[in-house]
Protein backbone atom coordinates (compact mmCIF):
# COMPACT_ATOMS: atom_id res chain seq x y z
CA MET A 1 32.06 187.31 257.09
CA ALA A 2 32.03 187.95 253.36
CA GLU A 3 28.86 189.30 251.79
CA TYR A 4 26.91 186.71 249.82
CA THR A 5 26.52 187.85 246.21
CA GLY A 6 25.84 184.70 244.21
CA GLU A 7 27.41 186.40 241.18
CA GLU A 8 28.37 183.10 239.57
CA VAL A 9 24.80 181.86 239.18
CA VAL A 10 21.29 183.04 238.45
CA ARG A 11 19.33 183.56 241.66
CA ALA A 12 15.63 182.93 242.31
CA LEU A 13 13.57 183.66 245.41
CA VAL A 14 11.08 180.77 245.66
CA VAL A 15 8.03 181.15 247.91
CA SER A 16 5.84 178.12 248.57
CA SER A 17 4.93 175.40 251.05
CA SER A 18 7.44 173.09 252.73
CA VAL A 19 6.67 169.46 253.56
CA VAL A 20 8.71 166.81 255.31
CA VAL A 21 7.44 163.99 253.07
CA GLY A 22 6.39 164.23 249.46
CA ARG A 23 7.07 166.27 246.36
CA VAL A 24 4.94 169.38 246.53
CA GLY A 25 5.77 173.04 247.09
CA LEU A 26 9.45 173.76 247.56
CA ARG A 27 10.33 170.05 247.45
CA ALA A 28 8.99 169.92 243.87
CA SER A 29 10.15 173.29 242.52
CA VAL A 30 13.61 173.76 244.06
CA PRO A 31 15.36 170.53 242.86
CA PRO A 32 14.76 171.21 239.14
CA LEU A 33 15.83 174.82 239.57
CA GLU A 34 19.10 173.76 241.16
CA THR A 35 19.59 171.06 238.53
CA ALA A 36 19.35 173.83 235.92
CA GLY A 37 22.03 175.81 237.75
CA VAL A 38 19.71 178.34 239.40
CA ASP A 39 20.60 179.41 242.95
CA ALA A 40 17.22 178.85 244.62
CA MET A 41 16.47 180.89 247.78
CA PRO A 42 13.51 179.04 249.37
CA LEU A 43 11.02 180.86 251.59
CA ALA A 44 8.42 178.56 253.19
CA THR A 45 4.85 179.72 253.73
CA CYS A 46 4.20 176.77 256.04
CA GLN A 47 5.90 173.68 257.41
CA LEU A 48 3.74 170.58 257.16
CA SER A 49 4.34 166.87 257.56
CA ASN A 50 2.95 166.10 254.10
CA HIS A 51 0.51 167.55 251.57
CA LEU A 52 -3.12 167.97 252.52
CA GLY A 53 -4.37 165.11 250.35
CA TYR A 54 -3.21 162.36 252.73
CA PRO A 55 -6.11 160.49 254.41
CA GLY A 56 -4.80 161.36 257.88
CA GLY A 57 -4.48 165.07 257.08
CA ALA A 58 -1.27 166.95 257.78
CA GLY A 59 0.46 168.16 260.91
CA GLY A 60 2.53 171.32 261.21
CA GLN A 61 1.88 175.01 261.09
CA PHE A 62 1.26 177.90 258.74
CA PHE A 63 3.64 180.78 259.17
CA THR A 64 2.59 184.23 260.39
CA PRO A 65 2.91 187.80 259.09
CA GLU A 66 5.47 188.42 261.83
CA MET A 67 7.62 185.63 260.43
CA VAL A 68 7.64 187.04 256.90
CA ALA A 69 8.35 190.53 258.28
CA GLY A 70 11.42 189.19 260.05
CA VAL A 71 12.67 187.42 256.93
CA ARG A 72 12.01 190.54 254.90
CA LYS A 73 14.10 192.65 257.27
CA GLY A 74 16.99 190.21 257.28
CA LEU A 75 17.08 189.95 253.50
CA ALA A 76 16.91 193.73 253.11
CA ASP A 77 19.49 194.50 255.83
CA ASN A 78 21.96 192.12 254.23
CA ARG A 79 21.19 193.32 250.69
CA LEU A 80 20.24 189.80 249.65
CA PHE A 81 17.50 190.93 247.27
CA ALA A 82 20.16 192.30 244.93
CA ARG A 83 20.94 190.45 241.70
CA LEU A 84 17.70 188.45 241.79
CA ARG A 85 16.74 187.23 238.33
CA TYR A 86 13.47 185.53 239.32
CA VAL A 87 10.83 185.62 242.04
CA ILE A 88 8.59 182.53 242.03
CA THR A 89 5.47 182.14 244.15
CA GLY A 90 3.35 179.05 244.70
CA PHE A 91 1.17 178.07 247.65
CA LEU A 92 0.84 181.23 249.76
CA GLY A 93 -0.66 179.72 252.91
CA LYS A 94 -2.96 181.95 254.93
CA VAL A 95 -4.41 185.21 253.65
CA ASP A 96 -2.72 187.33 256.35
CA PHE A 97 0.69 185.80 255.54
CA ALA A 98 0.14 186.33 251.83
CA SER A 99 -0.81 189.96 252.42
CA ALA A 100 2.39 190.56 254.42
CA LEU A 101 4.36 188.82 251.69
CA MET A 102 3.46 191.57 249.23
CA ASP A 103 5.75 194.00 251.09
CA LEU A 104 8.60 191.52 250.71
CA LEU A 105 7.90 191.18 246.98
CA ASP A 106 7.90 194.95 246.63
CA ASP A 107 11.29 195.13 248.36
CA ALA A 108 12.61 192.46 246.01
CA SER A 109 11.32 194.35 242.96
CA ALA A 110 12.81 197.62 244.20
CA ALA A 111 16.23 196.04 244.75
CA ALA A 112 16.11 194.03 241.51
CA PRO A 113 13.76 195.91 239.15
CA ASP A 114 14.53 193.58 236.24
CA ALA A 115 13.58 190.46 238.20
CA ILE A 116 10.94 188.30 236.53
CA VAL A 117 8.01 187.47 238.80
CA VAL A 118 6.47 184.06 238.06
CA VAL A 119 3.24 183.30 239.92
CA ASP A 120 1.63 179.88 240.19
CA PRO A 121 -1.80 181.03 241.47
CA VAL A 122 -2.48 178.00 243.64
CA LEU A 123 -6.23 177.96 244.30
CA GLY A 124 -7.68 174.64 243.21
CA ASP A 125 -8.08 172.06 240.47
CA GLY A 126 -10.73 169.89 238.87
CA MET A 127 -13.40 172.61 239.31
CA ARG A 128 -12.77 172.68 243.08
CA LEU A 129 -11.54 175.61 245.15
CA TYR A 130 -9.11 174.41 247.82
CA LEU A 131 -8.52 177.72 249.60
CA PRO A 132 -10.76 180.42 251.11
CA SER A 133 -12.45 182.72 248.59
CA GLU A 134 -10.51 185.61 250.15
CA MET A 135 -7.35 184.16 248.58
CA VAL A 136 -8.92 184.49 245.12
CA ASP A 137 -9.55 188.16 245.78
CA LEU A 138 -6.03 188.68 247.11
CA LEU A 139 -4.48 187.10 244.01
CA ILE A 140 -6.65 189.22 241.70
CA ARG A 141 -6.01 192.48 243.54
CA THR A 142 -2.40 192.25 244.62
CA VAL A 143 -0.48 189.20 243.40
CA VAL A 144 -1.30 188.79 239.70
CA PRO A 145 -0.78 192.53 238.95
CA ARG A 146 2.80 192.12 240.25
CA ALA A 147 3.48 189.14 237.97
CA SER A 148 5.39 188.95 234.71
CA VAL A 149 4.12 185.41 234.09
CA ILE A 150 1.40 183.28 235.67
CA THR A 151 0.93 179.51 235.34
CA PRO A 152 -2.70 178.67 236.19
CA ASN A 153 -4.59 175.49 235.45
CA THR A 154 -8.10 175.71 233.97
CA THR A 155 -9.79 175.99 237.38
CA GLU A 156 -7.47 178.80 238.48
CA LEU A 157 -7.88 180.72 235.23
CA LEU A 158 -11.65 180.59 235.66
CA LEU A 159 -11.37 181.89 239.23
CA LEU A 160 -8.99 184.71 238.28
CA ALA A 161 -11.36 185.69 235.47
CA GLY A 162 -14.18 186.06 238.01
CA ARG A 163 -16.11 183.01 236.80
CA SER A 164 -18.18 180.71 238.96
CA LEU A 165 -16.94 177.14 239.10
CA ASP A 166 -20.57 176.04 239.20
CA ASP A 167 -20.77 177.01 235.52
CA GLY A 168 -18.10 174.46 234.61
CA ALA A 169 -15.11 174.72 232.29
CA PHE A 170 -14.91 176.71 229.07
CA THR A 171 -17.57 175.76 226.56
CA ASN A 172 -15.77 176.94 223.42
CA ALA A 173 -12.64 178.67 222.18
CA ALA A 174 -14.19 182.15 222.36
CA ASP A 175 -15.04 181.59 226.02
CA LEU A 176 -11.43 180.60 226.74
CA VAL A 177 -10.06 183.64 224.90
CA ALA A 178 -12.40 185.95 226.84
CA ALA A 179 -11.11 184.55 230.15
CA LEU A 180 -7.50 184.96 229.03
CA ASP A 181 -8.16 188.56 228.04
CA THR A 182 -9.82 189.28 231.39
CA VAL A 183 -6.81 187.98 233.30
CA HIS A 184 -4.37 189.80 231.02
CA GLY A 185 -6.37 192.90 231.96
CA LEU A 186 -5.17 192.51 235.55
CA GLY A 187 -1.71 193.54 234.33
CA VAL A 188 0.10 190.27 233.57
CA ARG A 189 1.69 189.99 230.13
CA THR A 190 2.22 186.23 229.81
CA ILE A 191 -0.16 183.43 230.81
CA VAL A 192 1.07 179.86 230.58
CA LEU A 193 -2.14 177.86 230.95
CA THR A 194 -0.85 174.47 232.02
CA SER A 195 -3.84 172.46 230.81
CA VAL A 196 -6.71 173.32 228.49
CA ASP A 197 -9.94 171.45 228.98
CA PRO A 198 -10.95 169.70 225.71
CA ALA A 199 -14.39 171.30 226.05
CA ALA A 200 -12.76 174.60 225.13
CA ASP A 201 -13.36 173.70 221.49
CA GLY A 202 -15.67 170.83 220.73
CA ALA A 203 -15.75 171.27 216.95
CA PRO A 204 -14.82 168.34 214.68
CA GLY A 205 -11.06 168.25 214.15
CA SER A 206 -10.50 170.42 217.20
CA VAL A 207 -6.91 171.03 218.32
CA PHE A 208 -8.13 170.15 221.81
CA ASP A 209 -8.07 166.36 221.90
CA PRO A 210 -9.02 164.38 225.05
CA ALA A 211 -6.20 161.96 224.23
CA ARG A 212 -3.59 164.61 224.83
CA VAL A 213 -2.84 167.47 227.21
CA SER A 214 -2.72 170.92 225.67
CA ALA A 215 -0.92 173.82 227.31
CA LEU A 216 -1.31 177.36 226.00
CA VAL A 217 1.05 180.34 226.12
CA SER A 218 -0.74 183.66 225.71
CA ASP A 219 1.21 186.90 225.22
CA ALA A 220 -0.89 190.03 225.74
CA ALA A 221 1.67 192.38 224.15
CA THR A 222 1.91 190.55 220.82
CA GLY A 223 -1.52 188.91 220.82
CA ILE A 224 0.16 185.62 219.94
CA ARG A 225 -1.25 182.43 221.45
CA THR A 226 0.68 179.18 221.15
CA LEU A 227 -0.38 175.61 221.87
CA ILE A 228 1.84 172.80 223.12
CA HIS A 229 0.52 169.23 222.95
CA VAL A 230 1.74 166.09 224.73
CA PRO A 231 0.11 162.67 225.19
CA ARG A 232 -2.22 162.46 228.16
CA ILE A 233 -1.09 160.23 231.04
CA ASP A 234 -4.23 158.67 232.49
CA ALA A 235 -3.41 159.17 236.19
CA ASN A 236 -3.64 161.85 238.86
CA PHE A 237 -0.53 163.37 240.40
CA VAL A 238 0.09 165.88 243.19
CA GLY A 239 2.71 168.62 242.92
CA THR A 240 2.72 169.01 239.14
CA GLY A 241 2.12 172.76 239.29
CA ASP A 242 5.12 173.24 241.59
CA LEU A 243 7.25 170.98 239.42
CA PHE A 244 6.22 172.86 236.29
CA SER A 245 7.18 176.23 237.81
CA GLY A 246 10.65 174.92 238.61
CA LEU A 247 11.09 173.39 235.17
CA LEU A 248 9.75 176.47 233.38
CA VAL A 249 12.07 178.91 235.14
CA GLY A 250 14.94 176.43 234.97
CA TRP A 251 14.63 176.19 231.20
CA HIS A 252 14.15 179.95 230.84
CA ALA A 253 17.43 180.50 232.70
CA LYS A 254 19.27 177.70 230.92
CA LEU A 255 18.26 179.01 227.48
CA GLY A 256 19.19 182.57 228.42
CA ALA A 257 15.78 183.61 227.15
CA ALA A 258 14.58 187.20 227.16
CA SER A 259 12.08 188.20 229.83
CA THR A 260 9.24 188.01 227.29
CA GLU A 261 10.21 184.67 225.70
CA TRP A 262 8.32 181.76 227.26
CA VAL A 263 7.17 179.44 224.47
CA GLU A 264 10.30 177.28 224.12
CA PRO A 265 10.89 177.16 227.90
CA ALA A 266 7.28 176.03 228.34
CA ALA A 267 7.56 173.34 225.64
CA ARG A 268 10.79 172.00 227.11
CA ALA A 269 9.38 172.14 230.66
CA ILE A 270 6.31 170.16 229.62
CA ALA A 271 8.50 167.53 227.95
CA ASP A 272 10.61 167.19 231.09
CA MET A 273 7.49 166.98 233.24
CA GLN A 274 6.27 164.10 231.07
CA ARG A 275 9.55 162.32 231.82
CA VAL A 276 8.97 162.66 235.56
CA LEU A 277 5.32 161.57 235.34
CA THR A 278 6.18 158.57 233.18
CA ALA A 279 8.61 157.45 235.89
CA THR A 280 5.99 157.90 238.65
CA PRO A 281 3.58 155.05 239.46
CA PRO A 282 -0.06 156.24 239.67
CA GLY A 283 -0.99 157.31 243.18
CA SER A 284 2.64 157.80 244.23
CA GLU A 285 4.63 160.87 245.09
CA LEU A 286 6.51 162.31 242.12
CA ARG A 287 9.66 160.31 241.38
CA LEU A 288 11.69 163.48 241.09
CA THR A 289 15.03 162.40 242.56
CA ALA A 290 15.26 159.45 240.18
CA SER A 291 14.44 161.71 237.23
CA LEU A 292 16.79 164.65 237.81
CA ASP A 293 19.58 163.27 235.62
CA ALA A 294 17.19 163.17 232.65
CA LEU A 295 16.11 166.81 232.98
CA PHE A 296 17.46 169.86 231.12
CA ALA A 297 19.14 167.88 228.35
CA ALA A 298 19.72 170.27 225.47
CA ASP A 299 19.31 167.51 222.88
CA ALA A 300 16.16 166.00 224.42
CA PRO A 301 13.08 166.09 222.17
CA PHE A 302 10.24 168.43 223.02
CA PRO A 303 6.83 169.09 221.40
CA GLU A 304 6.75 171.59 218.57
CA PRO A 305 4.72 174.67 219.59
CA GLN A 306 1.83 175.57 217.28
CA ARG A 307 0.44 179.05 216.71
CA TRP A 308 -3.27 179.14 217.65
CA SER A 309 -5.67 181.54 215.96
CA PRO A 310 -9.19 180.64 217.13
CA SER A 311 -11.91 181.68 214.73
């Protein structure tokens, strides 16, 4: 049998949850990647019937350290880590599985030292922690330091910065900047904060407007922080973080961007995510399949990024 090389396309190892029904985890991140022409290599951290927000819960199982060790060996023995351009992680499942996964990530980095590691630090949202506190510690100690880029929401940035959720969201711009600097200090160059709470700057004329969603790209090496604004859609959706990771990396690959260039990919990813959300009725699973043809259009409009220099 011929060795698989995937030379014709960009390859990405994608680590996240797998569900039978719904658009979260791999079922939200892999379709946009493949639409962008990225050869996605999915690795499930669990197999569940649906996401955990369903009223009847979810059936299935979380995978074990032994499972990831077996996958790691097979990928290494067949030299399938070679030529990776991206490694993307999302929901990591149980702490013991996530710990074992670090050895696999190290193998991937050794075989493809130029691979870009993009981490969605799935921990919680809306000032709620969904996972055990041990997962916060694991991300701070071992996952984020391995990342080139992370894509937290406000809740996750607070947790990674060592803040208590009981204290609420950021109270002003200086508080937000301090949290960004703390997380940059863990070793990650680029933070793409997917949503900035309007309370981050309550001054009159603030760039943070409750009527719109503001994302922020922070580059530790240059000190440049860039805001991206889109109109707020007044509804709650599940799987947006996974979708954003797929769109972000898809656009980064499609644009042929350098490993340190994330502002335009983020702006284009946010615009595409708005297209998916606009097509999704409130309370429904993401209408991703129906939206794929509208994604990654080079001539599609996207919000103009704005340099942010908080006083």
